Protein backbone atom coordinates (compact mmCIF):
# COMPACT_ATOMS: atom_id res chain seq x y z
CA MET A 1 -7.02 -0.35 5.58
CA ARG A 2 -7.11 1.60 3.67
CA GLY A 3 -5.58 17.69 7.19
CA ALA A 4 -7.72 20.03 8.09
CA PRO A 5 -11.09 18.92 9.37
CA HIS A 6 -13.75 19.07 6.73
CA ALA A 7 -16.92 21.08 6.55
CA THR A 8 -20.29 19.71 7.48
CA TRP A 9 -21.62 17.44 4.78
CA VAL A 10 -25.16 17.09 3.54
CA ALA A 11 -25.13 13.32 3.25
CA CYS A 12 -26.58 12.98 6.75
CA ALA A 13 -29.97 12.85 5.16
CA ALA A 14 -29.06 10.17 2.63
CA ALA A 15 -30.69 6.79 2.94
CA LEU A 16 -27.37 5.03 3.20
CA THR A 17 -26.06 7.23 5.96
CA LEU A 18 -25.58 5.67 9.37
CA VAL A 19 -27.70 7.17 12.11
CA ALA A 20 -25.75 9.72 14.11
CA THR A 21 -26.52 11.72 17.20
CA ALA A 22 -24.91 14.71 15.55
CA CYS A 23 -23.77 15.36 12.01
CA GLY A 24 -20.77 17.59 11.73
CA GLY A 25 -17.42 17.76 10.04
CA GLY A 26 -15.63 16.57 13.12
CA ALA A 27 -13.61 19.70 13.75
CA ALA A 28 -13.96 19.57 17.49
CA GLY A 29 -13.08 15.98 18.30
CA SER A 30 -13.09 14.73 21.88
CA ASP A 31 -11.15 15.55 25.00
CA THR A 32 -8.48 13.11 23.80
CA GLY A 33 -7.40 15.35 20.93
CA ALA A 34 -8.14 16.51 17.40
CA VAL A 35 -9.56 14.39 14.60
CA LEU A 36 -7.43 13.21 11.67
CA SER A 37 -8.59 12.43 8.14
CA SER A 38 -7.43 9.41 6.15
CA SER A 39 -8.02 8.01 2.66
CA TRP A 40 -10.33 5.02 2.36
CA GLY A 41 -12.57 3.02 0.04
CA ASP A 42 -16.14 1.89 0.61
CA PRO A 43 -16.33 -1.63 2.06
CA GLN A 44 -17.99 -4.32 -0.01
CA ASN A 45 -20.53 -5.37 2.64
CA PRO A 46 -22.14 -4.11 5.86
CA LEU A 47 -19.65 -4.24 8.72
CA GLU A 48 -20.64 -7.56 10.28
CA PRO A 49 -17.37 -9.09 11.55
CA ALA A 50 -18.06 -12.48 9.97
CA ASN A 51 -19.07 -10.90 6.67
CA THR A 52 -16.00 -8.75 6.00
CA ASN A 53 -13.04 -10.33 4.20
CA GLU A 54 -11.58 -7.33 2.39
CA VAL A 55 -9.18 -4.60 3.40
CA GLN A 56 -11.36 -1.50 3.51
CA GLY A 57 -14.02 -2.97 5.77
CA GLY A 58 -11.34 -4.67 7.82
CA LYS A 59 -9.75 -1.32 8.66
CA VAL A 60 -12.95 -0.21 10.35
CA LEU A 61 -13.48 -3.50 12.19
CA ASP A 62 -9.96 -3.20 13.59
CA MET A 63 -10.90 0.18 15.02
CA ILE A 64 -14.29 -0.67 16.54
CA PHE A 65 -13.68 -4.22 17.79
CA ARG A 66 -11.28 -6.05 20.05
CA SER A 67 -11.29 -9.85 20.28
CA LEU A 68 -9.65 -12.58 22.34
CA LYS A 69 -6.29 -11.91 20.72
CA LYS A 70 -4.70 -8.83 19.18
CA TYR A 71 -1.82 -8.80 16.75
CA ASN A 72 1.20 -6.86 17.94
CA PRO A 73 1.59 -3.74 15.74
CA ASP A 74 5.37 -4.29 15.58
CA THR A 75 5.78 -8.06 15.27
CA GLY A 76 2.33 -9.23 14.20
CA GLN A 77 2.37 -11.91 16.88
CA ALA A 78 -0.90 -12.88 18.55
CA GLU A 79 -1.17 -11.55 22.11
CA ASP A 80 -3.97 -11.87 24.64
CA MET A 81 -6.51 -9.05 24.56
CA LEU A 82 -9.90 -10.15 25.93
CA ALA A 83 -8.55 -13.64 26.61
CA GLU A 84 -7.49 -14.08 30.20
CA LYS A 85 -6.35 -17.58 29.28
CA ILE A 86 -6.83 -20.20 26.56
CA GLU A 87 -6.14 -23.71 27.80
CA THR A 88 -5.87 -27.08 26.06
CA THR A 89 -4.31 -30.45 26.72
CA ASP A 90 -4.80 -31.97 23.27
CA SER A 91 -4.98 -29.10 20.70
CA GLN A 92 -8.60 -30.08 20.03
CA ASN A 93 -10.52 -29.09 23.17
CA PHE A 94 -10.03 -25.52 24.41
CA THR A 95 -11.28 -23.73 27.51
CA ILE A 96 -11.38 -19.95 27.07
CA THR A 97 -11.70 -17.49 29.92
CA VAL A 98 -12.72 -13.92 29.05
CA LYS A 99 -11.24 -11.03 31.01
CA ASP A 100 -13.52 -9.19 33.38
CA GLY A 101 -14.25 -5.47 33.02
CA TRP A 102 -14.86 -5.29 29.26
CA THR A 103 -18.00 -3.72 27.84
CA PHE A 104 -19.35 -2.72 24.45
CA SER A 105 -19.66 0.99 23.72
CA ASN A 106 -23.40 0.79 24.55
CA GLY A 107 -22.52 -0.29 28.11
CA GLU A 108 -23.37 -3.99 27.67
CA LYS A 109 -20.90 -6.34 29.30
CA VAL A 110 -18.71 -8.55 27.10
CA THR A 111 -19.18 -12.13 28.24
CA ALA A 112 -18.51 -15.66 27.04
CA LYS A 113 -21.97 -15.59 25.49
CA SER A 114 -20.96 -12.54 23.43
CA PHE A 115 -18.41 -14.73 21.65
CA VAL A 116 -20.47 -17.90 21.39
CA ASP A 117 -23.50 -16.09 19.97
CA ALA A 118 -21.30 -14.24 17.46
CA TRP A 119 -19.55 -17.40 16.29
CA ASN A 120 -22.83 -19.30 15.95
CA TYR A 121 -24.22 -16.45 13.88
CA GLY A 122 -21.14 -16.41 11.65
CA ALA A 123 -21.28 -20.15 11.07
CA SER A 124 -24.99 -20.38 10.21
CA LEU A 125 -25.76 -20.91 6.53
CA LYS A 126 -28.92 -18.81 6.70
CA ASN A 127 -26.87 -15.73 7.63
CA ASN A 128 -24.72 -16.04 4.49
CA GLN A 129 -21.53 -14.71 6.09
CA LYS A 130 -18.46 -14.60 3.85
CA ASN A 131 -16.19 -15.64 6.71
CA ALA A 132 -18.32 -18.59 7.79
CA TYR A 133 -15.46 -20.84 6.73
CA PHE A 134 -13.36 -19.63 9.66
CA PHE A 135 -15.67 -21.64 11.94
CA GLU A 136 -15.33 -24.81 9.85
CA TYR A 137 -12.97 -26.49 12.31
CA ILE A 138 -15.43 -26.20 15.19
CA GLU A 139 -17.44 -29.37 15.76
CA GLY A 140 -20.95 -29.16 14.37
CA TYR A 141 -20.14 -26.88 11.43
CA PRO A 142 -21.52 -29.29 8.75
CA GLU A 143 -24.89 -29.22 10.50
CA THR A 144 -25.02 -25.42 10.64
CA HIS A 145 -23.43 -24.87 7.23
CA PRO A 146 -23.74 -27.87 4.87
CA ASP A 147 -21.16 -27.79 2.06
CA ASP A 148 -23.72 -28.83 -0.53
CA GLY A 149 -26.03 -25.92 0.25
CA SER A 150 -28.75 -28.16 1.62
CA LYS A 151 -30.89 -27.05 4.54
CA GLN A 152 -29.01 -26.73 7.80
CA THR A 153 -30.06 -29.13 10.54
CA ALA A 154 -28.72 -27.17 13.51
CA GLU A 155 -28.84 -23.52 14.55
CA THR A 156 -25.71 -23.59 16.70
CA LEU A 157 -22.30 -25.23 16.70
CA SER A 158 -22.26 -28.33 18.92
CA GLY A 159 -18.59 -27.62 19.69
CA LEU A 160 -19.36 -24.36 21.51
CA LYS A 161 -20.58 -24.35 25.12
CA VAL A 162 -21.03 -21.47 27.57
CA VAL A 163 -19.78 -22.62 30.98
CA ASP A 164 -20.36 -19.44 32.94
CA GLU A 165 -20.36 -15.68 32.38
CA ARG A 166 -16.66 -15.55 31.55
CA THR A 167 -15.90 -19.07 30.37
CA PHE A 168 -16.70 -21.08 27.26
CA THR A 169 -15.34 -24.23 25.68
CA VAL A 170 -14.50 -25.01 22.07
CA ARG A 171 -14.26 -28.51 20.64
CA LEU A 172 -12.70 -28.75 17.19
CA LYS A 173 -13.42 -31.57 14.73
CA GLN A 174 -9.68 -32.31 14.65
CA LYS A 175 -6.51 -31.07 16.27
CA PHE A 176 -5.51 -27.53 15.29
CA SER A 177 -2.51 -26.47 17.35
CA SER A 178 -2.47 -22.89 16.00
CA PHE A 179 -6.15 -22.26 16.63
CA PRO A 180 -5.58 -19.73 19.48
CA ASP A 181 -3.38 -17.60 17.20
CA THR A 182 -6.23 -17.15 14.73
CA LEU A 183 -8.53 -15.58 17.33
CA GLY A 184 -7.42 -12.01 16.70
CA TYR A 185 -9.07 -12.09 13.29
CA ALA A 186 -12.17 -9.92 12.99
CA ALA A 187 -14.51 -12.84 12.24
CA TYR A 188 -14.03 -14.00 15.85
CA ALA A 189 -15.04 -10.67 17.41
CA PRO A 190 -17.75 -10.64 20.11
CA LEU A 191 -21.15 -9.11 19.39
CA PRO A 192 -23.59 -7.31 21.69
CA GLN A 193 -27.18 -8.50 22.07
CA SER A 194 -28.37 -5.48 20.07
CA PHE A 195 -26.83 -7.13 17.01
CA PHE A 196 -29.43 -9.90 17.34
CA THR A 197 -32.42 -8.05 18.80
CA ASP A 198 -32.26 -5.07 16.41
CA HIS A 199 -30.11 -6.26 13.55
CA ALA A 200 -31.29 -3.61 11.09
CA GLY A 201 -30.55 -0.90 13.62
CA TRP A 202 -27.13 -2.33 14.38
CA LEU A 203 -26.23 -2.40 10.68
CA LYS A 204 -27.10 1.28 10.41
CA LYS A 205 -24.79 2.09 13.31
CA PRO A 206 -22.53 -0.81 14.36
CA VAL A 207 -21.72 -1.12 18.05
CA GLY A 208 -18.41 -2.69 19.03
CA ASN A 209 -15.97 -2.83 21.93
CA GLY A 210 -12.89 -1.18 20.40
CA PRO A 211 -11.26 2.21 20.96
CA TYR A 212 -13.46 3.96 18.37
CA THR A 213 -17.18 4.22 17.71
CA ILE A 214 -18.89 4.98 14.39
CA GLU A 215 -20.67 8.33 14.42
CA SER A 216 -21.93 8.33 10.82
CA TYR A 217 -21.32 6.93 7.35
CA ALA A 218 -22.35 8.10 3.89
CA LYS A 219 -21.53 5.58 1.18
CA GLY A 220 -19.25 7.11 -1.43
CA SER A 221 -18.38 10.03 0.85
CA GLN A 222 -16.90 9.34 4.28
CA MET A 223 -17.18 7.62 7.63
CA GLU A 224 -16.82 9.47 10.91
CA LEU A 225 -15.25 7.52 13.78
CA ARG A 226 -14.77 9.07 17.18
CA THR A 227 -12.75 8.03 20.20
CA TRP A 228 -14.67 6.07 22.81
CA GLU A 229 -13.66 7.77 26.04
CA ASP A 230 -14.71 4.87 28.27
CA TYR A 231 -12.86 2.20 26.27
CA PRO A 232 -11.53 -0.26 28.88
CA GLY A 233 -8.58 -1.63 26.89
CA PRO A 234 -4.86 -0.84 27.25
CA ASP A 235 -4.61 0.62 23.72
CA LYS A 236 -6.80 3.72 24.08
CA ALA A 237 -6.79 6.22 21.22
CA VAL A 238 -4.60 9.29 21.72
CA ASN A 239 -6.53 11.32 19.13
CA GLY A 240 -10.14 12.45 19.01
CA GLY A 241 -11.15 10.27 16.10
CA VAL A 242 -10.65 9.46 12.43
CA THR A 243 -12.58 10.63 9.40
CA LEU A 244 -12.21 8.06 6.63
CA LYS A 245 -12.71 9.80 3.27
CA VAL A 246 -13.68 7.75 0.24
CA TYR A 247 -11.48 8.11 -2.84
CA THR A 248 -11.95 6.33 -6.13
CA ASP A 249 -8.47 7.41 -7.27
CA ASN A 250 -5.52 7.36 -4.90
CA ASN A 251 -3.80 10.03 -7.01
CA THR A 252 -6.57 12.40 -5.95
CA ALA A 253 -5.99 11.41 -2.35
CA TYR A 254 -2.29 12.17 -2.70
CA THR A 255 -3.08 15.55 -4.26
CA ASP A 256 -5.37 16.33 -1.33
CA LEU A 257 -2.61 15.36 1.09
CA MET A 258 -0.17 17.73 -0.59
CA ALA A 259 -2.80 20.50 -0.61
CA GLY A 260 -3.47 20.14 3.12
CA ASN A 261 -6.96 18.73 2.65
CA LEU A 262 -6.10 15.25 3.95
CA ASP A 263 -3.90 14.05 6.79
CA LEU A 264 -3.04 10.49 5.82
CA VAL A 265 -2.76 8.45 2.64
CA ASP A 266 -2.08 4.79 3.37
CA ASP A 267 -1.51 3.75 -0.24
CA VAL A 268 0.88 6.06 -2.08
CA PRO A 269 0.09 5.80 -5.81
CA ALA A 270 2.75 4.29 -8.06
CA SER A 271 2.85 7.45 -10.17
CA GLN A 272 4.02 9.45 -7.12
CA LEU A 273 6.72 7.09 -5.85
CA LYS A 274 9.46 8.93 -7.73
CA ASN A 275 8.52 12.17 -5.98
CA VAL A 276 7.25 11.07 -2.60
CA LYS A 277 10.54 11.32 -0.70
CA SER A 278 11.17 14.85 -1.89
CA ASP A 279 7.51 15.76 -1.31
CA LEU A 280 7.22 14.35 2.21
CA GLY A 281 10.69 13.53 3.53
CA ASP A 282 10.39 11.69 6.84
CA ARG A 283 6.60 11.79 6.54
CA TYR A 284 6.77 8.98 3.97
CA LEU A 285 6.62 5.41 5.28
CA ASN A 286 7.77 2.32 3.35
CA THR A 287 7.70 -0.76 5.56
CA PRO A 288 7.51 -4.55 4.98
CA ALA A 289 4.00 -5.99 5.16
CA GLY A 290 2.30 -9.37 4.97
CA ILE A 291 0.89 -8.74 1.51
CA ILE A 292 1.29 -10.61 -1.74
CA GLN A 293 -0.16 -9.75 -5.14
CA VAL A 294 -1.18 -12.64 -7.39
CA LEU A 295 -3.17 -13.31 -10.53
CA ALA A 296 -6.02 -15.69 -9.76
CA PHE A 297 -8.00 -17.72 -12.29
CA PRO A 298 -11.69 -18.68 -12.61
CA TYR A 299 -11.66 -22.46 -12.36
CA TYR A 300 -15.42 -22.46 -12.83
CA ASP A 301 -14.59 -21.52 -16.44
CA LYS A 302 -13.78 -24.68 -18.42
CA ASP A 303 -11.04 -22.87 -20.36
CA TRP A 304 -8.99 -22.63 -17.17
CA ASN A 305 -9.86 -26.05 -15.80
CA LYS A 306 -8.98 -28.36 -18.65
CA PRO A 307 -5.92 -30.52 -19.39
CA GLY A 308 -2.95 -28.34 -20.27
CA SER A 309 -4.26 -25.18 -18.64
CA ASP A 310 -1.59 -25.48 -15.93
CA LYS A 311 1.04 -25.12 -18.65
CA VAL A 312 -0.69 -22.03 -19.99
CA ARG A 313 -0.72 -20.48 -16.51
CA THR A 314 2.93 -21.35 -15.96
CA GLY A 315 3.75 -19.93 -19.38
CA LEU A 316 2.04 -16.67 -18.47
CA SER A 317 4.02 -16.60 -15.24
CA ARG A 318 7.27 -16.96 -17.18
CA ALA A 319 6.21 -14.14 -19.51
CA ILE A 320 6.08 -11.60 -16.65
CA ASN A 321 9.24 -9.63 -15.98
CA ARG A 322 8.77 -9.08 -12.24
CA GLU A 323 12.17 -7.47 -11.71
CA GLN A 324 11.56 -4.79 -14.31
CA ILE A 325 8.01 -4.03 -13.17
CA THR A 326 8.83 -3.74 -9.47
CA GLU A 327 11.74 -1.43 -10.27
CA THR A 328 10.16 0.84 -12.86
CA ILE A 329 6.53 0.95 -11.71
CA PHE A 330 6.94 0.54 -7.95
CA GLN A 331 10.40 2.01 -7.33
CA ARG A 332 11.37 -1.12 -5.34
CA THR A 333 8.46 -0.81 -2.92
CA ARG A 334 7.57 -4.30 -4.16
CA THR A 335 9.79 -7.39 -4.28
CA PRO A 336 9.42 -10.09 -6.97
CA ALA A 337 7.61 -13.05 -5.43
CA SER A 338 9.27 -16.45 -5.37
CA ASP A 339 6.60 -18.25 -3.33
CA TRP A 340 2.94 -17.79 -2.32
CA THR A 341 3.42 -16.44 1.23
CA SER A 342 5.37 -13.42 2.52
CA PRO A 343 8.91 -12.72 3.79
CA VAL A 344 7.40 -11.19 6.96
CA LEU A 345 6.76 -14.75 8.16
CA GLY A 346 10.50 -15.45 8.18
CA GLU A 347 11.99 -18.85 7.47
CA ASP A 348 10.94 -20.11 10.89
CA GLY A 349 7.36 -19.10 10.10
CA GLY A 350 7.16 -20.84 6.73
CA PHE A 351 8.49 -18.41 4.14
CA LYS A 352 10.63 -20.33 1.65
CA GLU A 353 12.40 -18.12 -0.83
CA GLY A 354 12.64 -19.67 -4.28
CA LEU A 355 9.94 -22.28 -3.74
CA CYS A 356 8.38 -21.22 -7.06
CA GLY A 357 11.56 -22.23 -8.88
CA ASP A 358 11.99 -21.30 -12.53
CA ALA A 359 8.19 -21.04 -12.93
CA CYS A 360 8.55 -17.48 -11.61
CA ASP A 361 11.62 -16.64 -13.72
CA TYR A 362 11.19 -14.42 -16.77
CA ASP A 363 11.94 -16.47 -19.90
CA PRO A 364 10.06 -15.51 -23.10
CA GLU A 365 11.14 -18.61 -25.00
CA ALA A 366 10.00 -20.95 -22.22
CA ALA A 367 6.76 -18.95 -21.91
CA ARG A 368 5.91 -19.35 -25.59
CA LYS A 369 6.69 -23.07 -25.52
CA LEU A 370 4.59 -23.76 -22.42
CA ILE A 371 1.57 -21.85 -23.71
CA GLU A 372 1.78 -23.64 -27.05
CA GLU A 373 2.04 -27.04 -25.31
CA GLY A 374 -0.99 -26.14 -23.17
CA GLY A 375 -3.17 -25.44 -26.21
CA GLY A 376 -2.68 -21.67 -26.45
CA LEU A 377 -4.41 -18.76 -24.76
CA PRO A 378 -8.18 -19.30 -24.40
CA GLY A 379 -9.78 -17.35 -27.23
CA GLY A 380 -6.32 -16.14 -28.24
CA GLN A 381 -6.21 -13.44 -25.56
CA VAL A 382 -6.20 -12.98 -21.79
CA LYS A 383 -7.98 -10.09 -20.10
CA ILE A 384 -6.71 -9.21 -16.62
CA THR A 385 -9.62 -7.85 -14.57
CA TYR A 386 -8.90 -5.38 -11.76
CA ASN A 387 -10.53 -2.59 -9.78
CA ALA A 388 -9.48 0.80 -11.08
CA ASP A 389 -10.21 2.95 -8.02
CA THR A 390 -7.39 2.05 -5.63
CA GLY A 391 -3.91 0.59 -5.50
CA SER A 392 -2.36 1.88 -8.77
CA HIS A 393 -3.60 -1.31 -10.38
CA ARG A 394 -3.96 0.13 -13.87
CA GLN A 395 -0.24 0.90 -14.08
CA TRP A 396 0.97 -2.53 -13.09
CA VAL A 397 -1.69 -4.43 -15.04
CA ASP A 398 -0.68 -2.50 -18.15
CA ALA A 399 2.96 -3.31 -17.41
CA VAL A 400 2.19 -7.01 -16.91
CA CYS A 401 0.28 -7.11 -20.18
CA ASN A 402 3.10 -5.32 -22.01
CA SER A 403 5.53 -7.88 -20.62
CA ILE A 404 3.33 -10.78 -21.73
CA ASN A 405 2.78 -9.24 -25.16
CA ASN A 406 6.48 -8.66 -25.68
CA ALA A 407 7.38 -12.15 -24.51
CA LEU A 408 4.83 -13.78 -26.79
CA GLY A 409 5.46 -11.47 -29.74
CA ASN A 410 1.78 -10.54 -29.89
CA GLU A 411 0.65 -7.04 -28.96
CA LYS A 412 -2.93 -8.26 -28.42
CA ALA A 413 -2.18 -11.32 -26.28
CA CYS A 414 -3.03 -9.50 -23.04
CA VAL A 415 -5.20 -6.49 -22.20
CA GLY A 416 -6.41 -4.94 -18.96
CA ASN A 417 -10.09 -5.07 -18.02
CA PRO A 418 -10.85 -2.35 -15.43
CA VAL A 419 -13.87 -2.36 -13.10
CA GLY A 420 -14.79 1.05 -11.71
CA THR A 421 -14.93 0.45 -7.97
CA PHE A 422 -13.58 -2.08 -5.50
CA ALA A 423 -17.07 -2.93 -4.26
CA ASP A 424 -18.32 -3.64 -7.81
CA TYR A 425 -15.19 -5.64 -8.51
CA ARG A 426 -15.68 -7.82 -5.44
CA ASN A 427 -19.33 -8.31 -6.29
CA GLN A 428 -18.44 -9.53 -9.77
CA ILE A 429 -15.95 -11.96 -8.26
CA GLY A 430 -18.56 -13.19 -5.79
CA ASP A 431 -21.02 -13.69 -8.65
CA ARG A 432 -18.39 -15.77 -10.54
CA LYS A 433 -18.28 -13.41 -13.50
CA MET A 434 -14.53 -13.55 -14.09
CA GLN A 435 -13.61 -14.89 -17.53
CA GLY A 436 -9.84 -14.79 -17.23
CA PRO A 437 -7.07 -13.90 -14.77
CA PHE A 438 -7.94 -11.32 -12.14
CA ARG A 439 -6.15 -9.33 -9.46
CA ALA A 440 -6.13 -11.12 -6.12
CA GLY A 441 -3.97 -9.33 -3.61
CA TRP A 442 -3.87 -10.94 -0.17
CA GLN A 443 -3.23 -9.16 3.09
CA MET A 444 -2.68 -11.63 5.89
CA ASP A 445 -5.34 -11.94 8.58
CA TYR A 446 -2.81 -13.35 11.03
CA PRO A 447 0.92 -14.15 10.69
CA LEU A 448 0.75 -17.89 9.98
CA ILE A 449 1.70 -19.72 6.78
CA GLN A 450 -1.71 -21.40 7.07
CA ASN A 451 -3.37 -18.04 6.42
CA PHE A 452 -1.59 -17.58 3.08
CA LEU A 453 -2.69 -21.01 1.87
CA GLN A 454 -5.89 -22.38 3.37
CA PRO A 455 -8.30 -19.41 2.91
CA LEU A 456 -7.14 -18.98 -0.71
CA TYR A 457 -6.70 -22.49 -2.09
CA TYR A 458 -8.55 -24.98 0.11
CA THR A 459 -11.72 -26.35 -1.49
CA ASN A 460 -14.62 -23.92 -0.93
CA ALA A 461 -12.54 -21.74 1.39
CA SER A 462 -13.82 -18.26 2.19
CA SER A 463 -11.39 -16.38 -0.08
CA ASN A 464 -10.92 -19.07 -2.74
CA ASP A 465 -12.41 -16.73 -5.32
CA GLY A 466 -11.34 -18.80 -8.29
CA LYS A 467 -12.80 -22.02 -6.81
CA TRP A 468 -9.60 -23.99 -7.29
CA SER A 469 -9.71 -27.47 -5.72
CA ASP A 470 -7.12 -30.17 -5.20
CA GLU A 471 -7.53 -33.22 -2.96
CA LYS A 472 -3.81 -33.55 -2.22
CA PHE A 473 -3.56 -29.91 -1.19
CA ASP A 474 -6.60 -30.24 1.10
CA ARG A 475 -5.20 -33.40 2.71
CA LEU A 476 -1.81 -31.80 3.40
CA VAL A 477 -3.45 -28.73 4.93
CA ASP A 478 -5.54 -30.94 7.21
CA GLU A 479 -2.41 -32.84 8.25
CA ALA A 480 -0.50 -29.62 8.92
CA ASN A 481 -3.30 -28.19 11.05
CA ALA A 482 -3.43 -31.37 13.12
CA GLU A 483 0.32 -31.43 13.71
CA THR A 484 1.29 -30.47 17.28
CA ASP A 485 4.96 -29.90 16.41
CA PRO A 486 5.07 -26.36 14.93
CA ALA A 487 8.17 -27.06 12.84
CA GLN A 488 6.64 -30.17 11.30
CA ALA A 489 3.38 -28.33 10.69
CA ILE A 490 5.26 -25.68 8.71
CA ARG A 491 7.05 -28.33 6.63
CA THR A 492 3.71 -29.93 5.79
CA PHE A 493 2.22 -26.58 4.84
CA GLN A 494 5.19 -26.06 2.52
CA GLN A 495 4.43 -29.41 0.89
CA ALA A 496 0.89 -28.14 0.32
CA GLU A 497 2.34 -24.97 -1.18
CA GLU A 498 4.31 -27.11 -3.62
CA VAL A 499 0.99 -28.48 -4.89
CA VAL A 500 -0.09 -24.89 -5.57
CA ARG A 501 3.18 -24.37 -7.44
CA ASP A 502 2.97 -27.56 -9.49
CA ASN A 503 -0.50 -26.60 -10.69
CA MET A 504 0.23 -22.84 -10.87
CA ALA A 505 -3.09 -22.39 -9.07
CA ALA A 506 -2.35 -18.65 -9.01
CA ILE A 507 0.54 -16.64 -10.43
CA PRO A 508 2.57 -14.94 -7.66
CA LEU A 509 3.68 -11.48 -8.72
CA TRP A 510 5.34 -9.58 -5.86
CA TYR A 511 5.45 -9.00 -2.14
CA GLN A 512 4.18 -5.58 -1.19
CA ASN A 513 5.47 -3.08 1.31
CA GLY A 514 3.09 -0.89 3.20
CA SER A 515 3.38 2.72 2.06
CA ALA A 516 1.90 5.86 3.54
CA GLY A 517 2.33 9.59 3.59
CA TYR A 518 1.04 12.03 6.18
CA SER A 519 0.67 15.72 6.91
CA GLU A 520 2.64 17.89 9.31
CA ARG A 521 -0.33 17.80 11.71
CA LEU A 522 0.41 14.17 12.56
CA SER A 523 3.10 12.42 14.57
CA ASP A 524 3.75 8.87 15.79
CA VAL A 525 2.44 7.45 12.50
CA ARG A 526 3.35 3.88 11.65
CA LEU A 527 2.01 0.90 9.75
CA ASN A 528 1.51 -2.50 11.32
CA PRO A 529 2.66 -5.72 9.57
CA PHE A 530 -0.72 -5.81 7.82
CA SER A 531 0.11 -2.40 6.21
CA VAL A 532 -2.73 -0.71 8.16
CA PRO A 533 -2.05 2.54 10.05
CA VAL A 534 -2.03 2.12 13.82
CA TYR A 535 -4.74 4.75 14.11
CA ASN A 536 -5.09 4.73 17.88
CA GLU A 537 -1.44 5.78 18.34
CA ILE A 538 -1.48 8.71 15.91
CA LYS A 539 -1.20 12.12 17.54
CA VAL A 540 -2.78 15.20 15.95
CA SER A 541 -1.47 18.70 16.60
């Protein structure tokens, strides 16, 4: 999510620092091996599994938690981890058996109750968890999390029942044949009792059941993770730990990598792509990932939710020269998008190349005509808001605006609107402060077409940041989820995607490869299909 060990840092005394038993630079590591350092950005929220829906926090959750399923680092497919078995006869009622022998890093046993308590917490309105929506299909969700914001009438989900220490049942409000495949997502992670009995203490130093534990964290500086020697899973870490260093500019991270002050950069800046192969040789990775970059819109702003605004959005889409930008800015580490999912799904998984049609083709004349027919740009100008600290966003936003300006024959039609940090950017989005198009990259949570559509475009979904809503889209998603024939479910999801296209709910820009560079100290470095380094497999010399 996104090397020499670093000296001891004074932030141990800072108020925002996680409690640690020792505060050092991490030079020693554990018996497993040496510690590596990797670039990172501060997460938006505390690391509660049901409250993290962005990449930086997700990287940490993937290191400190394991859930019922785990996504294969090569294929992305959901495989059993803590699930001994998940059984159903009707795709609506599930019986889940948890494997024996798993514990949290504090020694507490992982049981069926560990999951049920965690899911009930995540679903409860009073806990204000950003991923609460992932529990929406479990029976009883409207009582624990009313859509209208009214007072909840139940503390727990009626569809969850603990049967015995290792068994619990789940009843969904409707059939959802792919439900088991979603259970590797971090929101479904189990939680120890200390999370509930000493919540403030847990937030200061989260306790999980994954191959790493958090030793300390200083906001704006770094997080120290160390290998948990007694981790009971099959994917034990082969290194001594990972120090995640916060960077507000990935060019600085790259410079530190080249200077030997950092071991791993998991987002090579666009400005370095011309040089990275000569700089790093085989230590540069460029692999396909389940990531798409789009421009989202604030539908809570009347200018983007009025008759004709769909033509304006489609016109803007046709004013963007994706081919030129992906070649010149990204050196072909991006591919122009022609739908709203990702090629990593494959045709059998729902990817449909060209579904966007000519709405994603660069055509200045068509762009001008559409925008004129739609009533023109709101206020005569669009400002694309983005976070300036990671992801080389300034370069591509400037390129997109130049393309729009050239297509429309107006050098002031589009400008970039940078926000200093990712956390501030996400907070502004959460507070509904966007006044025009904004960057909305999506990294899949699990490899299903449903994950590229429902969380982003379903009414009131967890990551529907622009608050777009369409009854036909919602109905088709519900039908697809209830379909027991996987092929038919995919076809129905594609029909829902066509509704997104016809309304240009968001402008698809390009599919993104995962890119990384690493030092000579490291070996066995690779990126999973989510573009996240497989930290536990990295060896440090």
